[in-house]
Amino acid sequence: MATPYFAFVDSDVELIDGEFFRKAVKILGDQRIGAVVGMSRGHVFAFGLPASLLVLRKEDFKGQIIPKWIDARETFYIQRRLDELGLKTVYIKDAMIHRSQFRKYKPEWEGANTRLLDSDVLKELLFSLGVIILISLNSKNVKNIAYIPFFYLKFLRGFAQPERWAKLTRSAGGELN
């Protein structure tokens, strides 16, 4: 079945809003909107363009916009395309539960892949810090909030050494090595 839309759904996402895709299609009927993001249950702060639950219009992404060599931060290229087209993002609250597992070297991996982006370094560092803060605040967990400086330092370690951290493999249990 062909559709004018496509979606990204992480394997560790549980969809809890049975109307999410209908809502997304209706929202994307407005040609000023280019992306619909499903937010995790209970999250208050919308940020960036997370691809854990994301719906886009095919016609806005003709051709390859994400380089073949990219291992992470695909959403940077999607966001750049949306910006080029002047399209906005809409967030739907309480659409899913994201059961992402802790990954030992995820901050370093994210930092390294952020460094590899074709973008202004300071802009990406500040944007990433903002996302880290909002993700932690959304968790409403004091430990996560207190951990922000440490997470960001690990992120910066990966940013400073992309050749070491950009390509990590997953063990059988899903952990990044």
N, C-alpha and C. Protein backbone atom coordinates (compact mmCIF):
# COMPACT_ATOMS: atom_id res chain seq x y z
N MET A 1 0.84 -1.17 0.00
CA MET A 1 0.00 0.00 0.00
C MET A 1 0.89 1.24 0.00
N ALA A 2 0.72 2.09 -0.98
CA ALA A 2 1.50 3.33 -1.05
C ALA A 2 0.79 4.42 -0.25
N THR A 3 1.57 5.26 0.35
CA THR A 3 1.04 6.37 1.14
C THR A 3 1.92 7.59 0.90
N PRO A 4 1.37 8.79 1.00
CA PRO A 4 2.19 9.99 0.81
C PRO A 4 3.01 10.36 2.05
N TYR A 5 3.02 9.48 3.05
CA TYR A 5 3.72 9.76 4.30
C TYR A 5 4.70 8.64 4.61
N PHE A 6 5.67 8.93 5.46
CA PHE A 6 6.50 7.87 6.01
C PHE A 6 6.80 8.20 7.46
N ALA A 7 7.12 7.15 8.21
CA ALA A 7 7.29 7.32 9.65
C ALA A 7 8.57 6.64 10.12
N PHE A 8 9.14 7.21 11.16
CA PHE A 8 10.22 6.58 11.91
C PHE A 8 9.62 6.15 13.24
N VAL A 9 9.82 4.90 13.62
CA VAL A 9 9.36 4.41 14.91
C VAL A 9 10.47 3.53 15.48
N ASP A 10 11.05 3.96 16.60
CA ASP A 10 12.10 3.16 17.23
C ASP A 10 11.53 1.83 17.71
N SER A 11 12.38 0.81 17.72
CA SER A 11 11.94 -0.52 18.13
C SER A 11 11.58 -0.59 19.61
N ASP A 12 12.04 0.37 20.40
CA ASP A 12 11.74 0.36 21.83
C ASP A 12 10.63 1.36 22.19
N VAL A 13 9.81 1.71 21.20
CA VAL A 13 8.69 2.63 21.41
C VAL A 13 7.39 1.82 21.48
N GLU A 14 6.57 2.15 22.49
CA GLU A 14 5.23 1.58 22.60
C GLU A 14 4.25 2.71 22.29
N LEU A 15 3.49 2.56 21.23
CA LEU A 15 2.51 3.56 20.83
C LEU A 15 1.32 3.46 21.77
N ILE A 16 0.97 4.54 22.47
CA ILE A 16 -0.16 4.50 23.40
C ILE A 16 -1.33 5.36 22.93
N ASP A 17 -1.12 6.19 21.94
CA ASP A 17 -2.21 6.98 21.35
C ASP A 17 -2.61 6.29 20.05
N GLY A 18 -3.69 5.53 20.10
CA GLY A 18 -4.15 4.78 18.93
C GLY A 18 -4.54 5.66 17.75
N GLU A 19 -4.71 6.94 17.99
CA GLU A 19 -5.07 7.88 16.93
C GLU A 19 -3.88 8.68 16.43
N PHE A 20 -2.68 8.36 16.91
CA PHE A 20 -1.51 9.17 16.58
C PHE A 20 -1.32 9.36 15.08
N PHE A 21 -1.34 8.28 14.32
CA PHE A 21 -1.07 8.39 12.89
C PHE A 21 -2.18 9.15 12.16
N ARG A 22 -3.44 8.96 12.58
CA ARG A 22 -4.54 9.74 11.99
C ARG A 22 -4.35 11.22 12.28
N LYS A 23 -4.00 11.54 13.51
CA LYS A 23 -3.76 12.94 13.89
C LYS A 23 -2.60 13.52 13.07
N ALA A 24 -1.53 12.74 12.93
CA ALA A 24 -0.35 13.21 12.19
C ALA A 24 -0.70 13.51 10.74
N VAL A 25 -1.46 12.63 10.10
CA VAL A 25 -1.85 12.83 8.70
C VAL A 25 -2.72 14.08 8.57
N LYS A 26 -3.64 14.27 9.50
CA LYS A 26 -4.49 15.47 9.47
C LYS A 26 -3.65 16.73 9.63
N ILE A 27 -2.71 16.71 10.56
CA ILE A 27 -1.83 17.87 10.79
C ILE A 27 -0.98 18.16 9.55
N LEU A 28 -0.45 17.10 8.93
CA LEU A 28 0.39 17.28 7.74
C LEU A 28 -0.41 17.73 6.52
N GLY A 29 -1.74 17.76 6.64
CA GLY A 29 -2.57 18.33 5.59
C GLY A 29 -2.35 19.83 5.46
N ASP A 30 -1.87 20.44 6.53
CA ASP A 30 -1.50 21.86 6.51
C ASP A 30 -0.11 21.95 5.89
N GLN A 31 -0.01 22.56 4.73
CA GLN A 31 1.26 22.60 3.98
C GLN A 31 2.35 23.41 4.67
N ARG A 32 2.02 24.10 5.76
CA ARG A 32 3.04 24.83 6.53
C ARG A 32 3.76 23.92 7.52
N ILE A 33 3.20 22.74 7.74
CA ILE A 33 3.75 21.77 8.69
C ILE A 33 4.48 20.70 7.90
N GLY A 34 5.68 20.34 8.36
CA GLY A 34 6.46 19.33 7.65
C GLY A 34 6.78 18.09 8.47
N ALA A 35 6.55 18.16 9.79
CA ALA A 35 6.88 17.02 10.65
C ALA A 35 5.93 16.97 11.84
N VAL A 36 5.59 15.75 12.24
CA VAL A 36 4.80 15.53 13.45
C VAL A 36 5.57 14.56 14.33
N VAL A 37 5.84 14.98 15.56
CA VAL A 37 6.60 14.19 16.52
C VAL A 37 5.66 13.70 17.61
N GLY A 38 5.73 12.42 17.92
CA GLY A 38 4.99 11.87 19.06
C GLY A 38 5.85 11.96 20.30
N MET A 39 5.35 12.66 21.32
CA MET A 39 6.11 12.83 22.56
C MET A 39 5.79 11.69 23.53
N SER A 40 6.73 11.42 24.41
CA SER A 40 6.55 10.41 25.44
C SER A 40 5.51 10.86 26.46
N ARG A 41 4.82 9.88 27.03
CA ARG A 41 3.81 10.18 28.05
C ARG A 41 4.43 10.96 29.20
N GLY A 42 3.78 12.04 29.56
CA GLY A 42 4.22 12.84 30.70
C GLY A 42 5.27 13.88 30.38
N HIS A 43 5.84 13.85 29.20
CA HIS A 43 6.85 14.86 28.85
C HIS A 43 6.17 16.19 28.58
N VAL A 44 6.77 17.25 29.12
CA VAL A 44 6.20 18.58 28.98
C VAL A 44 6.97 19.40 27.95
N PHE A 45 8.28 19.18 27.87
CA PHE A 45 9.14 20.01 27.03
C PHE A 45 9.37 19.35 25.67
N ALA A 46 8.93 20.04 24.62
CA ALA A 46 9.19 19.59 23.25
C ALA A 46 10.55 20.12 22.84
N PHE A 47 11.32 19.31 22.12
CA PHE A 47 12.67 19.73 21.74
C PHE A 47 13.07 19.09 20.43
N GLY A 48 13.73 19.85 19.61
CA GLY A 48 14.36 19.33 18.40
C GLY A 48 13.43 18.51 17.52
N LEU A 49 13.99 17.51 16.92
CA LEU A 49 13.26 16.63 16.01
C LEU A 49 13.63 15.18 16.31
N PRO A 50 13.19 14.66 17.46
CA PRO A 50 13.52 13.27 17.77
C PRO A 50 12.82 12.33 16.79
N ALA A 51 13.52 11.31 16.36
CA ALA A 51 12.96 10.39 15.37
C ALA A 51 12.40 9.12 15.99
N SER A 52 12.23 9.09 17.30
CA SER A 52 11.70 7.88 17.93
C SER A 52 10.26 7.62 17.50
N LEU A 53 9.48 8.67 17.24
CA LEU A 53 8.14 8.57 16.68
C LEU A 53 7.92 9.85 15.86
N LEU A 54 8.11 9.73 14.56
CA LEU A 54 8.14 10.90 13.68
C LEU A 54 7.44 10.57 12.36
N VAL A 55 6.55 11.46 11.91
CA VAL A 55 5.86 11.28 10.63
C VAL A 55 6.18 12.48 9.74
N LEU A 56 6.50 12.19 8.47
CA LEU A 56 6.88 13.20 7.49
C LEU A 56 6.11 12.96 6.19
N ARG A 57 6.02 13.99 5.35
CA ARG A 57 5.44 13.88 4.01
C ARG A 57 6.52 13.48 3.02
N LYS A 58 6.28 12.47 2.21
CA LYS A 58 7.27 12.01 1.23
C LYS A 58 7.67 13.11 0.27
N GLU A 59 6.72 13.90 -0.20
CA GLU A 59 7.01 14.90 -1.23
C GLU A 59 8.03 15.94 -0.77
N ASP A 60 8.18 16.10 0.53
CA ASP A 60 9.15 17.07 1.06
C ASP A 60 10.58 16.52 1.07
N PHE A 61 10.72 15.21 0.80
CA PHE A 61 12.03 14.57 0.92
C PHE A 61 12.38 13.75 -0.31
N LYS A 62 12.13 14.30 -1.47
CA LYS A 62 12.50 13.59 -2.70
C LYS A 62 14.01 13.57 -2.83
N GLY A 63 14.54 12.41 -3.14
CA GLY A 63 15.99 12.28 -3.24
C GLY A 63 16.59 11.96 -1.88
N GLN A 64 17.87 11.71 -1.87
CA GLN A 64 18.57 11.35 -0.64
C GLN A 64 19.07 12.61 0.05
N ILE A 65 18.61 12.83 1.27
CA ILE A 65 19.07 14.00 2.02
C ILE A 65 20.00 13.61 3.16
N ILE A 66 19.99 12.34 3.53
CA ILE A 66 20.84 11.86 4.62
C ILE A 66 22.03 11.14 3.99
N PRO A 67 23.26 11.59 4.28
CA PRO A 67 24.44 10.93 3.71
C PRO A 67 24.51 9.45 4.10
N LYS A 68 25.01 8.63 3.21
CA LYS A 68 25.12 7.19 3.47
C LYS A 68 26.04 6.87 4.64
N TRP A 69 27.04 7.72 4.88
CA TRP A 69 28.04 7.43 5.90
C TRP A 69 27.57 7.75 7.32
N ILE A 70 26.42 8.40 7.45
CA ILE A 70 25.98 8.87 8.77
C ILE A 70 25.56 7.68 9.64
N ASP A 71 25.95 7.69 10.90
CA ASP A 71 25.64 6.61 11.84
C ASP A 71 24.66 7.07 12.91
N ALA A 72 24.49 8.35 13.05
CA ALA A 72 23.60 8.93 14.07
C ALA A 72 23.26 10.35 13.64
N ARG A 73 22.35 10.96 14.36
CA ARG A 73 21.95 12.35 14.12
C ARG A 73 21.34 12.56 12.72
N GLU A 74 20.64 11.55 12.24
CA GLU A 74 19.95 11.67 10.95
C GLU A 74 18.98 12.84 10.97
N THR A 75 18.43 13.11 12.14
CA THR A 75 17.43 14.17 12.24
C THR A 75 18.01 15.55 11.93
N PHE A 76 19.32 15.72 12.05
CA PHE A 76 19.95 16.98 11.66
C PHE A 76 19.63 17.28 10.19
N TYR A 77 19.78 16.26 9.35
CA TYR A 77 19.57 16.43 7.92
C TYR A 77 18.09 16.60 7.59
N ILE A 78 17.23 15.91 8.34
CA ILE A 78 15.79 16.08 8.15
C ILE A 78 15.39 17.50 8.56
N GLN A 79 15.88 17.96 9.71
CA GLN A 79 15.57 19.31 10.18
C GLN A 79 16.08 20.36 9.20
N ARG A 80 17.27 20.14 8.68
CA ARG A 80 17.82 21.09 7.71
C ARG A 80 16.91 21.19 6.48
N ARG A 81 16.41 20.05 6.01
CA ARG A 81 15.50 20.05 4.86
C ARG A 81 14.20 20.78 5.21
N LEU A 82 13.65 20.54 6.38
CA LEU A 82 12.43 21.24 6.80
C LEU A 82 12.67 22.75 6.86
N ASP A 83 13.84 23.14 7.38
CA ASP A 83 14.19 24.57 7.46
C ASP A 83 14.30 25.18 6.06
N GLU A 84 14.92 24.45 5.13
CA GLU A 84 15.05 24.94 3.74
C GLU A 84 13.68 25.19 3.12
N LEU A 85 12.72 24.34 3.47
CA LEU A 85 11.37 24.46 2.92
C LEU A 85 10.48 25.39 3.74
N GLY A 86 11.00 25.87 4.87
CA GLY A 86 10.23 26.77 5.74
C GLY A 86 9.08 26.07 6.45
N LEU A 87 9.24 24.77 6.74
CA LEU A 87 8.18 23.98 7.37
C LEU A 87 8.38 23.87 8.88
N LYS A 88 7.26 23.80 9.58
CA LYS A 88 7.28 23.73 11.04
C LYS A 88 7.08 22.30 11.52
N THR A 89 7.36 22.09 12.80
CA THR A 89 7.16 20.80 13.45
C THR A 89 6.05 20.94 14.49
N VAL A 90 5.17 19.94 14.56
CA VAL A 90 4.11 19.90 15.56
C VAL A 90 4.38 18.69 16.46
N TYR A 91 4.15 18.87 17.75
CA TYR A 91 4.37 17.82 18.74
C TYR A 91 3.03 17.35 19.30
N ILE A 92 2.83 16.04 19.37
CA ILE A 92 1.63 15.47 19.96
C ILE A 92 2.03 14.84 21.29
N LYS A 93 1.47 15.37 22.37
CA LYS A 93 1.82 14.89 23.72
C LYS A 93 1.20 13.52 23.99
N ASP A 94 1.85 12.80 24.90
CA ASP A 94 1.34 11.51 25.40
C ASP A 94 1.02 10.52 24.28
N ALA A 95 1.87 10.46 23.27
CA ALA A 95 1.65 9.56 22.13
C ALA A 95 2.29 8.20 22.32
N MET A 96 3.32 8.12 23.17
CA MET A 96 4.09 6.88 23.25
C MET A 96 4.78 6.75 24.60
N ILE A 97 5.35 5.58 24.80
CA ILE A 97 6.28 5.33 25.90
C ILE A 97 7.57 4.88 25.23
N HIS A 98 8.66 5.55 25.55
CA HIS A 98 9.96 5.19 24.96
C HIS A 98 10.76 4.47 26.03
N ARG A 99 11.00 3.21 25.83
CA ARG A 99 11.70 2.38 26.82
C ARG A 99 13.17 2.23 26.46
N SER A 100 13.80 3.34 26.17
CA SER A 100 15.21 3.28 25.77
C SER A 100 16.06 2.80 26.94
N GLN A 101 16.98 1.94 26.62
CA GLN A 101 17.88 1.38 27.62
C GLN A 101 19.10 2.26 27.78
N PHE A 102 19.65 2.29 28.97
CA PHE A 102 20.89 3.01 29.22
C PHE A 102 21.99 2.39 28.38
N ARG A 103 22.75 3.21 27.73
CA ARG A 103 23.88 2.73 26.94
C ARG A 103 25.14 3.37 27.50
N LYS A 104 26.09 2.56 27.83
CA LYS A 104 27.29 3.01 28.54
C LYS A 104 27.99 4.18 27.85
N TYR A 105 28.16 4.13 26.54
CA TYR A 105 28.92 5.17 25.84
C TYR A 105 28.04 6.05 24.95
N LYS A 106 26.75 6.11 25.23
CA LYS A 106 25.85 6.90 24.39
C LYS A 106 26.23 8.38 24.37
N PRO A 107 26.59 9.03 25.48
CA PRO A 107 26.96 10.45 25.39
C PRO A 107 28.15 10.69 24.46
N GLU A 108 29.17 9.84 24.56
CA GLU A 108 30.35 9.99 23.71
C GLU A 108 29.99 9.77 22.24
N TRP A 109 29.18 8.76 21.99
CA TRP A 109 28.75 8.44 20.63
C TRP A 109 27.96 9.59 20.03
N GLU A 110 27.03 10.16 20.81
CA GLU A 110 26.25 11.31 20.34
C GLU A 110 27.16 12.51 20.07
N GLY A 111 28.11 12.75 20.97
CA GLY A 111 29.04 13.87 20.79
C GLY A 111 29.88 13.72 19.54
N ALA A 112 30.40 12.52 19.31
CA ALA A 112 31.23 12.28 18.13
C ALA A 112 30.44 12.49 16.85
N ASN A 113 29.22 11.98 16.82
CA ASN A 113 28.41 12.11 15.61
C ASN A 113 27.90 13.54 15.42
N THR A 114 27.79 14.29 16.49
CA THR A 114 27.44 15.71 16.37
C THR A 114 28.60 16.46 15.74
N ARG A 115 29.81 16.11 16.11
CA ARG A 115 31.01 16.76 15.56
C ARG A 115 31.12 16.55 14.05
N LEU A 116 30.63 15.43 13.56
CA LEU A 116 30.75 15.09 12.15
C LEU A 116 29.73 15.81 11.27
N LEU A 117 28.79 16.51 11.88
CA LEU A 117 27.76 17.21 11.11
C LEU A 117 28.35 18.38 10.35
N ASP A 118 27.75 18.68 9.23
CA ASP A 118 28.13 19.82 8.41
C ASP A 118 27.38 21.05 8.93
N SER A 119 27.82 21.54 10.09
CA SER A 119 27.09 22.62 10.74
C SER A 119 28.04 23.43 11.61
N ASP A 120 27.57 24.59 12.06
CA ASP A 120 28.34 25.46 12.94
C ASP A 120 28.56 24.75 14.29
N VAL A 121 29.81 24.65 14.70
CA VAL A 121 30.18 23.90 15.91
C VAL A 121 29.50 24.47 17.16
N LEU A 122 29.61 25.75 17.38
CA LEU A 122 29.03 26.36 18.58
C LEU A 122 27.52 26.18 18.61
N LYS A 123 26.88 26.35 17.47
CA LYS A 123 25.43 26.16 17.38
C LYS A 123 25.04 24.75 17.80
N GLU A 124 25.77 23.74 17.31
CA GLU A 124 25.45 22.35 17.63
C GLU A 124 25.73 22.03 19.09
N LEU A 125 26.81 22.59 19.64
CA LEU A 125 27.12 22.35 21.06
C LEU A 125 26.03 22.93 21.95
N LEU A 126 25.58 24.13 21.65
CA LEU A 126 24.53 24.77 22.45
C LEU A 126 23.19 24.06 22.27
N PHE A 127 22.87 23.70 21.04
CA PHE A 127 21.62 22.98 20.78
C PHE A 127 21.62 21.65 21.54
N SER A 128 22.73 20.92 21.48
CA SER A 128 22.82 19.63 22.15
C SER A 128 22.69 19.78 23.66
N LEU A 129 23.31 20.80 24.22
CA LEU A 129 23.17 21.04 25.66
C LEU A 129 21.70 21.29 26.00
N GLY A 130 21.02 22.08 25.19
CA GLY A 130 19.60 22.33 25.43
C GLY A 130 18.78 21.06 25.40
N VAL A 131 19.05 20.20 24.43
CA VAL A 131 18.32 18.93 24.32
C VAL A 131 18.60 18.05 25.54
N ILE A 132 19.85 17.98 25.96
CA ILE A 132 20.22 17.17 27.14
C ILE A 132 19.47 17.68 28.37
N ILE A 133 19.41 18.99 28.53
CA ILE A 133 18.70 19.57 29.68
C ILE A 133 17.21 19.24 29.62
N LEU A 134 16.59 19.43 28.45
CA LEU A 134 15.15 19.18 28.33
C LEU A 134 14.80 17.70 28.50
N ILE A 135 15.62 16.82 27.96
CA ILE A 135 15.38 15.38 28.16
C ILE A 135 15.43 15.05 29.65
N SER A 136 16.42 15.59 30.34
CA SER A 136 16.56 15.32 31.77
C SER A 136 15.39 15.90 32.56
N LEU A 137 14.97 17.11 32.23
CA LEU A 137 13.83 17.72 32.91
C LEU A 137 12.55 16.95 32.64
N ASN A 138 12.38 16.45 31.42
CA ASN A 138 11.20 15.65 31.09
C ASN A 138 11.13 14.38 31.93
N SER A 139 12.27 13.85 32.32
CA SER A 139 12.28 12.61 33.11
C SER A 139 11.73 12.84 34.51
N LYS A 140 11.78 14.08 34.98
CA LYS A 140 11.31 14.44 36.33
C LYS A 140 12.03 13.63 37.40
N ASN A 141 13.24 13.21 37.08
CA ASN A 141 14.04 12.40 38.00
C ASN A 141 15.22 13.24 38.47
N VAL A 142 15.31 13.44 39.78
CA VAL A 142 16.36 14.29 40.36
C VAL A 142 17.75 13.78 39.98
N LYS A 143 17.95 12.47 39.96
CA LYS A 143 19.25 11.91 39.59
C LYS A 143 19.62 12.28 38.16
N ASN A 144 18.66 12.18 37.24
CA ASN A 144 18.93 12.54 35.84
C ASN A 144 19.27 14.02 35.71
N ILE A 145 18.56 14.85 36.44
CA ILE A 145 18.81 16.29 36.38
C ILE A 145 20.18 16.61 36.95
N ALA A 146 20.53 15.99 38.06
CA ALA A 146 21.85 16.21 38.67
C ALA A 146 22.98 15.69 37.78
N TYR A 147 22.68 14.71 36.94
CA TYR A 147 23.68 14.08 36.08
C TYR A 147 23.98 14.90 34.82
N ILE A 148 23.21 15.95 34.55
CA ILE A 148 23.37 16.76 33.32
C ILE A 148 24.82 17.16 33.07
N PRO A 149 25.54 17.75 34.06
CA PRO A 149 26.92 18.18 33.77
C PRO A 149 27.83 17.01 33.38
N PHE A 150 27.63 15.86 34.01
CA PHE A 150 28.47 14.69 33.72
C PHE A 150 28.16 14.14 32.32
N PHE A 151 26.87 14.08 31.99
CA PHE A 151 26.48 13.62 30.66
C PHE A 151 27.08 14.53 29.59
N TYR A 152 26.99 15.84 29.84
CA TYR A 152 27.50 16.79 28.84
C TYR A 152 29.02 16.69 28.72
N LEU A 153 29.71 16.47 29.82
CA LEU A 153 31.17 16.29 29.75
C LEU A 153 31.52 15.05 28.93
N LYS A 154 30.77 13.98 29.10
CA LYS A 154 30.99 12.78 28.29
C LYS A 154 30.68 13.06 26.82
N PHE A 155 29.61 13.82 26.58
CA PHE A 155 29.26 14.24 25.23
C PHE A 155 30.43 15.01 24.61
N LEU A 156 31.02 15.93 25.38
CA LEU A 156 32.15 16.72 24.88
C LEU A 156 33.38 15.85 24.62
N ARG A 157 33.55 14.80 25.44
CA ARG A 157 34.67 13.88 25.20
C ARG A 157 34.52 13.22 23.83
N GLY A 158 33.32 12.79 23.50
CA GLY A 158 33.08 12.22 22.18
C GLY A 158 33.22 13.25 21.07
N PHE A 159 32.77 14.47 21.35
CA PHE A 159 32.87 15.56 20.38
C PHE A 159 34.33 15.86 20.06
N ALA A 160 35.18 15.81 21.09
CA ALA A 160 36.61 16.11 20.92
C ALA A 160 37.36 14.99 20.22
N GLN A 161 36.85 13.76 20.29
CA GLN A 161 37.53 12.61 19.69
C GLN A 161 36.57 11.79 18.81
N PRO A 162 36.07 12.36 17.73
CA PRO A 162 35.08 11.63 16.93
C PRO A 162 35.62 10.34 16.32
N GLU A 163 36.91 10.32 16.02
CA GLU A 163 37.48 9.11 15.41
C GLU A 163 37.42 7.92 16.38
N ARG A 164 37.40 8.18 17.66
CA ARG A 164 37.34 7.11 18.66
C ARG A 164 35.90 6.67 18.95
N TRP A 165 34.96 7.61 18.93
CA TRP A 165 33.62 7.34 19.45
C TRP A 165 32.51 7.27 18.41
N ALA A 166 32.76 7.67 17.18
CA ALA A 166 31.67 7.79 16.20
C ALA A 166 31.08 6.45 15.78
N LYS A 167 31.87 5.42 15.72
CA LYS A 167 31.38 4.11 15.30
C LYS A 167 31.52 3.13 16.46
N LEU A 168 30.42 2.89 17.12
CA LEU A 168 30.41 1.90 18.19
C LEU A 168 29.54 0.74 17.74
N THR A 169 29.89 -0.45 18.19
CA THR A 169 29.10 -1.62 17.83
C THR A 169 28.17 -1.96 18.99
N ARG A 170 27.14 -2.70 18.68
CA ARG A 170 26.20 -3.13 19.71
C ARG A 170 26.48 -4.58 20.08
N SER A 171 26.46 -4.84 21.37
CA SER A 171 26.61 -6.23 21.82
C SER A 171 25.27 -6.93 21.62
N ALA A 172 25.22 -8.22 21.88
CA ALA A 172 23.99 -8.99 21.71
C ALA A 172 22.86 -8.42 22.55
N GLY A 173 23.19 -7.81 23.69
CA GLY A 173 22.17 -7.24 24.57
C GLY A 173 21.76 -5.83 24.19
N GLY A 174 22.33 -5.26 23.14
CA GLY A 174 21.96 -3.93 22.69
C GLY A 174 22.85 -2.82 23.21
N GLU A 175 23.76 -3.14 24.12
CA GLU A 175 24.67 -2.13 24.67
C GLU A 175 25.65 -1.66 23.60
N LEU A 176 25.95 -0.37 23.61
CA LEU A 176 26.98 0.15 22.70
C LEU A 176 28.35 -0.19 23.27
N ASN A 177 29.24 -0.70 22.43
CA ASN A 177 30.61 -1.03 22.86
C ASN A 177 31.59 -0.06 22.24
